[in-house]
Amino acid sequence: MLKQLDKWHQTKLGLLVFGLAELAIAYGFASLAIDRGNLWWYLLALVFLVGSLQNFFKLIGTLINGNKAAKTRRS
């Protein structure tokens, strides 16, 4: 099941969904961090923000380069 999820995560739709989900989670942790002032919430918000940016940059790269970039990464 994890292999199927990873394979779907590499698709354009998967990258978009994971990027949006991580961005929403980062927003939630940032809200908690501002409300409570806990550094751990800030750290978690930063981790999920970086993860969402990685997904969005991979999505943009895939849209620009097509499947060429995906094929070279897999081999």
PDB file of N, CA and C in Angstrom:
ATOM      1  N   MET A   1       0.816  -1.196   0.000  1.00  0.00           N
ATOM      2  CA  MET A   1       0.000   0.000   0.000  1.00  0.00           C
ATOM      3  C   MET A   1       0.862   1.263   0.000  1.00  0.00           C
ATOM      4  N   LEU A   2       1.967   1.239   0.744  1.00  0.00           N
ATOM      5  CA  LEU A   2       2.843   2.405   0.759  1.00  0.00           C
ATOM      6  C   LEU A   2       3.512   2.629  -0.590  1.00  0.00           C
ATOM      7  N   LYS A   3       3.808   1.546  -1.304  1.00  0.00           N
ATOM      8  CA  LYS A   3       4.398   1.693  -2.637  1.00  0.00           C
ATOM      9  C   LYS A   3       3.412   2.357  -3.595  1.00  0.00           C
ATOM     10  N   GLN A   4       2.139   1.978  -3.472  1.00  0.00           N
ATOM     11  CA  GLN A   4       1.115   2.592  -4.325  1.00  0.00           C
ATOM     12  C   GLN A   4       0.961   4.073  -3.997  1.00  0.00           C
ATOM     13  N   LEU A   5       1.002   4.403  -2.706  1.00  0.00           N
ATOM     14  CA  LEU A   5       0.892   5.799  -2.291  1.00  0.00           C
ATOM     15  C   LEU A   5       2.086   6.606  -2.790  1.00  0.00           C
ATOM     16  N   ASP A   6       3.280   6.010  -2.695  1.00  0.00           N
ATOM     17  CA  ASP A   6       4.476   6.701  -3.181  1.00  0.00           C
ATOM     18  C   ASP A   6       4.423   6.891  -4.689  1.00  0.00           C
ATOM     19  N   LYS A   7       3.945   5.878  -5.398  1.00  0.00           N
ATOM     20  CA  LYS A   7       3.822   5.987  -6.860  1.00  0.00           C
ATOM     21  C   LYS A   7       2.825   7.083  -7.235  1.00  0.00           C
ATOM     22  N   TRP A   8       1.701   7.149  -6.504  1.00  0.00           N
ATOM     23  CA  TRP A   8       0.709   8.195  -6.774  1.00  0.00           C
ATOM     24  C   TRP A   8       1.246   9.564  -6.384  1.00  0.00           C
ATOM     25  N   HIS A   9       2.060   9.623  -5.337  1.00  0.00           N
ATOM     26  CA  HIS A   9       2.632  10.891  -4.894  1.00  0.00           C
ATOM     27  C   HIS A   9       3.536  11.495  -5.967  1.00  0.00           C
ATOM     28  N   GLN A  10       4.113  10.679  -6.831  1.00  0.00           N
ATOM     29  CA  GLN A  10       4.996  11.163  -7.884  1.00  0.00           C
ATOM     30  C   GLN A  10       4.243  11.705  -9.092  1.00  0.00           C
ATOM     31  N   THR A  11       2.923  11.534  -9.131  1.00  0.00           N
ATOM     32  CA  THR A  11       2.143  12.069 -10.244  1.00  0.00           C
ATOM     33  C   THR A  11       1.873  13.556 -10.021  1.00  0.00           C
ATOM     34  N   LYS A  12       1.412  14.218 -11.058  1.00  0.00           N
ATOM     35  CA  LYS A  12       1.110  15.648 -10.949  1.00  0.00           C
ATOM     36  C   LYS A  12       0.009  15.912  -9.931  1.00  0.00           C
ATOM     37  N   LEU A  13      -1.035  15.122  -9.979  1.00  0.00           N
ATOM     38  CA  LEU A  13      -2.133  15.290  -9.034  1.00  0.00           C
ATOM     39  C   LEU A  13      -1.678  14.979  -7.602  1.00  0.00           C
ATOM     40  N   GLY A  14      -0.871  13.944  -7.453  1.00  0.00           N
ATOM     41  CA  GLY A  14      -0.364  13.587  -6.130  1.00  0.00           C
ATOM     42  C   GLY A  14       0.500  14.688  -5.534  1.00  0.00           C
ATOM     43  N   LEU A  15       1.365  15.282  -6.350  1.00  0.00           N
ATOM     44  CA  LEU A  15       2.199  16.377  -5.863  1.00  0.00           C
ATOM     45  C   LEU A  15       1.349  17.573  -5.451  1.00  0.00           C
ATOM     46  N   LEU A  16       0.320  17.859  -6.226  1.00  0.00           N
ATOM     47  CA  LEU A  16      -0.565  18.979  -5.904  1.00  0.00           C
ATOM     48  C   LEU A  16      -1.323  18.723  -4.602  1.00  0.00           C
ATOM     49  N   VAL A  17      -1.876  17.528  -4.458  1.00  0.00           N
ATOM     50  CA  VAL A  17      -2.656  17.202  -3.255  1.00  0.00           C
ATOM     51  C   VAL A  17      -1.770  17.211  -2.018  1.00  0.00           C
ATOM     52  N   PHE A  18      -0.601  16.586  -2.100  1.00  0.00           N
ATOM     53  CA  PHE A  18       0.299  16.571  -0.953  1.00  0.00           C
ATOM     54  C   PHE A  18       0.802  17.972  -0.619  1.00  0.00           C
ATOM     55  N   GLY A  19       1.078  18.782  -1.637  1.00  0.00           N
ATOM     56  CA  GLY A  19       1.518  20.154  -1.395  1.00  0.00           C
ATOM     57  C   GLY A  19       0.454  20.978  -0.695  1.00  0.00           C
ATOM     58  N   LEU A  20      -0.783  20.855  -1.149  1.00  0.00           N
ATOM     59  CA  LEU A  20      -1.875  21.602  -0.516  1.00  0.00           C
ATOM     60  C   LEU A  20      -2.157  21.105   0.901  1.00  0.00           C
ATOM     61  N   ALA A  21      -2.076  19.782   1.096  1.00  0.00           N
ATOM     62  CA  ALA A  21      -2.309  19.232   2.435  1.00  0.00           C
ATOM     63  C   ALA A  21      -1.226  19.699   3.405  1.00  0.00           C
ATOM     64  N   GLU A  22       0.024  19.657   2.978  1.00  0.00           N
ATOM     65  CA  GLU A  22       1.111  20.113   3.848  1.00  0.00           C
ATOM     66  C   GLU A  22       1.030  21.606   4.111  1.00  0.00           C
ATOM     67  N   LEU A  23       0.569  22.351   3.130  1.00  0.00           N
ATOM     68  CA  LEU A  23       0.408  23.789   3.332  1.00  0.00           C
ATOM     69  C   LEU A  23      -0.690  24.069   4.350  1.00  0.00           C
ATOM     70  N   ALA A  24      -1.771  23.315   4.306  1.00  0.00           N
ATOM     71  CA  ALA A  24      -2.849  23.482   5.285  1.00  0.00           C
ATOM     72  C   ALA A  24      -2.382  23.093   6.688  1.00  0.00           C
ATOM     73  N   ILE A  25      -1.610  22.022   6.789  1.00  0.00           N
ATOM     74  CA  ILE A  25      -1.087  21.606   8.092  1.00  0.00           C
ATOM     75  C   ILE A  25      -0.113  22.647   8.620  1.00  0.00           C
ATOM     76  N   ALA A  26       0.725  23.202   7.753  1.00  0.00           N
ATOM     77  CA  ALA A  26       1.661  24.246   8.172  1.00  0.00           C
ATOM     78  C   ALA A  26       0.906  25.475   8.669  1.00  0.00           C
ATOM     79  N   TYR A  27      -0.187  25.824   8.004  1.00  0.00           N
ATOM     80  CA  TYR A  27      -1.009  26.953   8.449  1.00  0.00           C
ATOM     81  C   TYR A  27      -1.587  26.689   9.838  1.00  0.00           C
ATOM     82  N   GLY A  28      -2.041  25.466  10.061  1.00  0.00           N
ATOM     83  CA  GLY A  28      -2.582  25.113  11.371  1.00  0.00           C
ATOM     84  C   GLY A  28      -1.530  25.206  12.464  1.00  0.00           C
ATOM     85  N   PHE A  29      -0.344  24.687  12.195  1.00  0.00           N
ATOM     86  CA  PHE A  29       0.720  24.763  13.195  1.00  0.00           C
ATOM     87  C   PHE A  29       1.184  26.205  13.405  1.00  0.00           C
ATOM     88  N   ALA A  30       1.205  27.016  12.343  1.00  0.00           N
ATOM     89  CA  ALA A  30       1.585  28.419  12.504  1.00  0.00           C
ATOM     90  C   ALA A  30       0.555  29.157  13.354  1.00  0.00           C
ATOM     91  N   SER A  31      -0.705  28.850  13.162  1.00  0.00           N
ATOM     92  CA  SER A  31      -1.746  29.464  13.986  1.00  0.00           C
ATOM     93  C   SER A  31      -1.587  29.084  15.449  1.00  0.00           C
ATOM     94  N   LEU A  32      -1.311  27.805  15.696  1.00  0.00           N
ATOM     95  CA  LEU A  32      -1.071  27.367  17.064  1.00  0.00           C
ATOM     96  C   LEU A  32       0.171  28.044  17.653  1.00  0.00           C
ATOM     97  N   ALA A  33       1.204  28.190  16.845  1.00  0.00           N
ATOM     98  CA  ALA A  33       2.435  28.800  17.321  1.00  0.00           C
ATOM     99  C   ALA A  33       2.209  30.260  17.711  1.00  0.00           C
ATOM    100  N   ILE A  34       1.467  30.983  16.905  1.00  0.00           N
ATOM    101  CA  ILE A  34       1.198  32.390  17.214  1.00  0.00           C
ATOM    102  C   ILE A  34       0.301  32.498  18.442  1.00  0.00           C
ATOM    103  N   ASP A  35      -0.666  31.598  18.540  1.00  0.00           N
ATOM    104  CA  ASP A  35      -1.601  31.639  19.659  1.00  0.00           C
ATOM    105  C   ASP A  35      -0.939  31.250  20.978  1.00  0.00           C
ATOM    106  N   ARG A  36      -0.136  30.206  20.948  1.00  0.00           N
ATOM    107  CA  ARG A  36       0.425  29.663  22.188  1.00  0.00           C
ATOM    108  C   ARG A  36       1.864  30.100  22.442  1.00  0.00           C
ATOM    109  N   GLY A  37       2.582  30.532  21.423  1.00  0.00           N
ATOM    110  CA  GLY A  37       3.955  30.989  21.593  1.00  0.00           C
ATOM    111  C   GLY A  37       4.946  29.866  21.852  1.00  0.00           C
ATOM    112  N   ASN A  38       4.634  28.647  21.428  1.00  0.00           N
ATOM    113  CA  ASN A  38       5.509  27.516  21.651  1.00  0.00           C
ATOM    114  C   ASN A  38       6.436  27.341  20.447  1.00  0.00           C
ATOM    115  N   LEU A  39       7.736  27.200  20.709  1.00  0.00           N
ATOM    116  CA  LEU A  39       8.702  27.066  19.619  1.00  0.00           C
ATOM    117  C   LEU A  39       8.537  25.770  18.842  1.00  0.00           C
ATOM    118  N   TRP A  40       8.039  24.710  19.475  1.00  0.00           N
ATOM    119  CA  TRP A  40       7.825  23.451  18.781  1.00  0.00           C
ATOM    120  C   TRP A  40       6.782  23.602  17.673  1.00  0.00           C
ATOM    121  N   TRP A  41       5.746  24.406  17.927  1.00  0.00           N
ATOM    122  CA  TRP A  41       4.732  24.628  16.897  1.00  0.00           C
ATOM    123  C   TRP A  41       5.340  25.383  15.713  1.00  0.00           C
ATOM    124  N   TYR A  42       6.226  26.351  16.010  1.00  0.00           N
ATOM    125  CA  TYR A  42       6.917  27.069  14.931  1.00  0.00           C
ATOM    126  C   TYR A  42       7.778  26.109  14.113  1.00  0.00           C
ATOM    127  N   LEU A  43       8.480  25.212  14.790  1.00  0.00           N
ATOM    128  CA  LEU A  43       9.327  24.252  14.096  1.00  0.00           C
ATOM    129  C   LEU A  43       8.499  23.329  13.198  1.00  0.00           C
ATOM    130  N   LEU A  44       7.400  22.826  13.714  1.00  0.00           N
ATOM    131  CA  LEU A  44       6.538  21.962  12.906  1.00  0.00           C
ATOM    132  C   LEU A  44       5.946  22.718  11.719  1.00  0.00           C
ATOM    133  N   ALA A  45       5.575  23.970  11.936  1.00  0.00           N
ATOM    134  CA  ALA A  45       5.055  24.782  10.824  1.00  0.00           C
ATOM    135  C   ALA A  45       6.119  24.952   9.749  1.00  0.00           C
ATOM    136  N   LEU A  46       7.347  25.175  10.162  1.00  0.00           N
ATOM    137  CA  LEU A  46       8.443  25.346   9.209  1.00  0.00           C
ATOM    138  C   LEU A  46       8.713  24.055   8.437  1.00  0.00           C
ATOM    139  N   VAL A  47       8.694  22.925   9.132  1.00  0.00           N
ATOM    140  CA  VAL A  47       8.935  21.633   8.473  1.00  0.00           C
ATOM    141  C   VAL A  47       7.865  21.363   7.410  1.00  0.00           C
ATOM    142  N   PHE A  48       6.603  21.575   7.749  1.00  0.00           N
ATOM    143  CA  PHE A  48       5.538  21.326   6.778  1.00  0.00           C
ATOM    144  C   PHE A  48       5.538  22.364   5.657  1.00  0.00           C
ATOM    145  N   LEU A  49       5.950  23.589   5.943  1.00  0.00           N
ATOM    146  CA  LEU A  49       6.056  24.595   4.891  1.00  0.00           C
ATOM    147  C   LEU A  49       7.131  24.211   3.882  1.00  0.00           C
ATOM    148  N   VAL A  50       8.264  23.758   4.368  1.00  0.00           N
ATOM    149  CA  VAL A  50       9.342  23.327   3.470  1.00  0.00           C
ATOM    150  C   VAL A  50       8.892  22.119   2.644  1.00  0.00           C
ATOM    151  N   GLY A  51       8.187  21.181   3.280  1.00  0.00           N
ATOM    152  CA  GLY A  51       7.674  20.023   2.542  1.00  0.00           C
ATOM    153  C   GLY A  51       6.702  20.415   1.439  1.00  0.00           C
ATOM    154  N   SER A  52       5.840  21.373   1.737  1.00  0.00           N
ATOM    155  CA  SER A  52       4.887  21.810   0.708  1.00  0.00           C
ATOM    156  C   SER A  52       5.606  22.538  -0.425  1.00  0.00           C
ATOM    157  N   LEU A  53       6.610  23.326  -0.102  1.00  0.00           N
ATOM    158  CA  LEU A  53       7.373  24.012  -1.155  1.00  0.00           C
ATOM    159  C   LEU A  53       8.106  23.011  -2.036  1.00  0.00           C
ATOM    160  N   GLN A  54       8.653  21.957  -1.436  1.00  0.00           N
ATOM    161  CA  GLN A  54       9.311  20.920  -2.240  1.00  0.00           C
ATOM    162  C   GLN A  54       8.324  20.276  -3.210  1.00  0.00           C
ATOM    163  N   ASN A  55       7.136  19.971  -2.732  1.00  0.00           N
ATOM    164  CA  ASN A  55       6.132  19.366  -3.609  1.00  0.00           C
ATOM    165  C   ASN A  55       5.739  20.314  -4.735  1.00  0.00           C
ATOM    166  N   PHE A  56       5.571  21.593  -4.425  1.00  0.00           N
ATOM    167  CA  PHE A  56       5.183  22.547  -5.457  1.00  0.00           C
ATOM    168  C   PHE A  56       6.301  22.748  -6.480  1.00  0.00           C
ATOM    169  N   PHE A  57       7.564  22.784  -6.032  1.00  0.00           N
ATOM    170  CA  PHE A  57       8.671  22.925  -6.986  1.00  0.00           C
ATOM    171  C   PHE A  57       8.808  21.683  -7.866  1.00  0.00           C
ATOM    172  N   LYS A  58       8.591  20.498  -7.286  1.00  0.00           N
ATOM    173  CA  LYS A  58       8.609  19.278  -8.098  1.00  0.00           C
ATOM    174  C   LYS A  58       7.474  19.302  -9.113  1.00  0.00           C
ATOM    175  N   LEU A  59       6.306  19.787  -8.700  1.00  0.00           N
ATOM    176  CA  LEU A  59       5.165  19.879  -9.612  1.00  0.00           C
ATOM    177  C   LEU A  59       5.472  20.843 -10.755  1.00  0.00           C
ATOM    178  N   ILE A  60       6.036  21.989 -10.454  1.00  0.00           N
ATOM    179  CA  ILE A  60       6.379  22.954 -11.490  1.00  0.00           C
ATOM    180  C   ILE A  60       7.427  22.375 -12.435  1.00  0.00           C
ATOM    181  N   GLY A  61       8.418  21.692 -11.875  1.00  0.00           N
ATOM    182  CA  GLY A  61       9.432  21.048 -12.711  1.00  0.00           C
ATOM    183  C   GLY A  61       8.846  19.993 -13.615  1.00  0.00           C
ATOM    184  N   THR A  62       7.902  19.233 -13.096  1.00  0.00           N
ATOM    185  CA  THR A  62       7.241  18.210 -13.906  1.00  0.00           C
ATOM    186  C   THR A  62       6.392  18.845 -15.002  1.00  0.00           C
ATOM    187  N   LEU A  63       5.723  19.941 -14.679  1.00  0.00           N
ATOM    188  CA  LEU A  63       4.901  20.608 -15.693  1.00  0.00           C
ATOM    189  C   LEU A  63       5.761  21.218 -16.790  1.00  0.00           C
ATOM    190  N   ILE A  64       6.913  21.750 -16.430  1.00  0.00           N
ATOM    191  CA  ILE A  64       7.785  22.382 -17.425  1.00  0.00           C
ATOM    192  C   ILE A  64       8.511  21.333 -18.267  1.00  0.00           C
ATOM    193  N   ASN A  65       9.086  20.332 -17.605  1.00  0.00           N
ATOM    194  CA  ASN A  65       9.911  19.350 -18.305  1.00  0.00           C
ATOM    195  C   ASN A  65       9.141  18.138 -18.788  1.00  0.00           C
ATOM    196  N   GLY A  66       7.905  18.006 -18.401  1.00  0.00           N
ATOM    197  CA  GLY A  66       7.137  16.832 -18.787  1.00  0.00           C
ATOM    198  C   GLY A  66       7.601  15.616 -18.011  1.00  0.00           C
ATOM    199  N   ASN A  67       7.557  14.462 -18.622  1.00  0.00           N
ATOM    200  CA  ASN A  67       7.945  13.233 -17.944  1.00  0.00           C
ATOM    201  C   ASN A  67       9.435  12.949 -18.059  1.00  0.00           C
ATOM    202  N   LYS A  68      10.195  13.787 -18.771  1.00  0.00           N
ATOM    203  CA  LYS A  68      11.631  13.574 -18.893  1.00  0.00           C
ATOM    204  C   LYS A  68      12.305  13.569 -17.533  1.00  0.00           C
ATOM    205  N   ALA A  69      11.954  14.546 -16.694  1.00  0.00           N
ATOM    206  CA  ALA A  69      12.578  14.649 -15.380  1.00  0.00           C
ATOM    207  C   ALA A  69      12.187  13.466 -14.500  1.00  0.00           C
ATOM    208  N   ALA A  70      10.973  13.021 -14.592  1.00  0.00           N
ATOM    209  CA  ALA A  70      10.518  11.891 -13.779  1.00  0.00           C
ATOM    210  C   ALA A  70      11.232  10.608 -14.190  1.00  0.00           C
ATOM    211  N   LYS A  71      11.465  10.425 -15.485  1.00  0.00           N
ATOM    212  CA  LYS A  71      12.135   9.219 -15.955  1.00  0.00           C
ATOM    213  C   LYS A  71      13.595   9.199 -15.511  1.00  0.00           C
ATOM    214  N   THR A  72      14.264  10.340 -15.525  1.00  0.00           N
ATOM    215  CA  THR A  72      15.670  10.357 -15.129  1.00  0.00           C
ATOM    216  C   THR A  72      15.828  10.177 -13.633  1.00  0.00           C
ATOM    217  N   ARG A  73      14.866  10.617 -12.834  1.00  0.00           N
ATOM    218  CA  ARG A  73      14.931  10.436 -11.382  1.00  0.00           C
ATOM    219  C   ARG A  73      14.748   8.970 -11.003  1.00  0.00           C
ATOM    220  N   ARG A  74      13.933   8.261 -11.733  1.00  0.00           N
ATOM    221  CA  ARG A  74      13.621   6.876 -11.363  1.00  0.00           C
ATOM    222  C   ARG A  74      14.747   5.926 -11.713  1.00  0.00           C
ATOM    223  N   SER A  75      15.540   6.238 -12.716  1.00  0.00           N
ATOM    224  CA  SER A  75      16.582   5.291 -13.140  1.00  0.00           C
ATOM    225  C   SER A  75      17.859   5.433 -12.366  1.00  0.00           C
TER     226      SER A  75
END
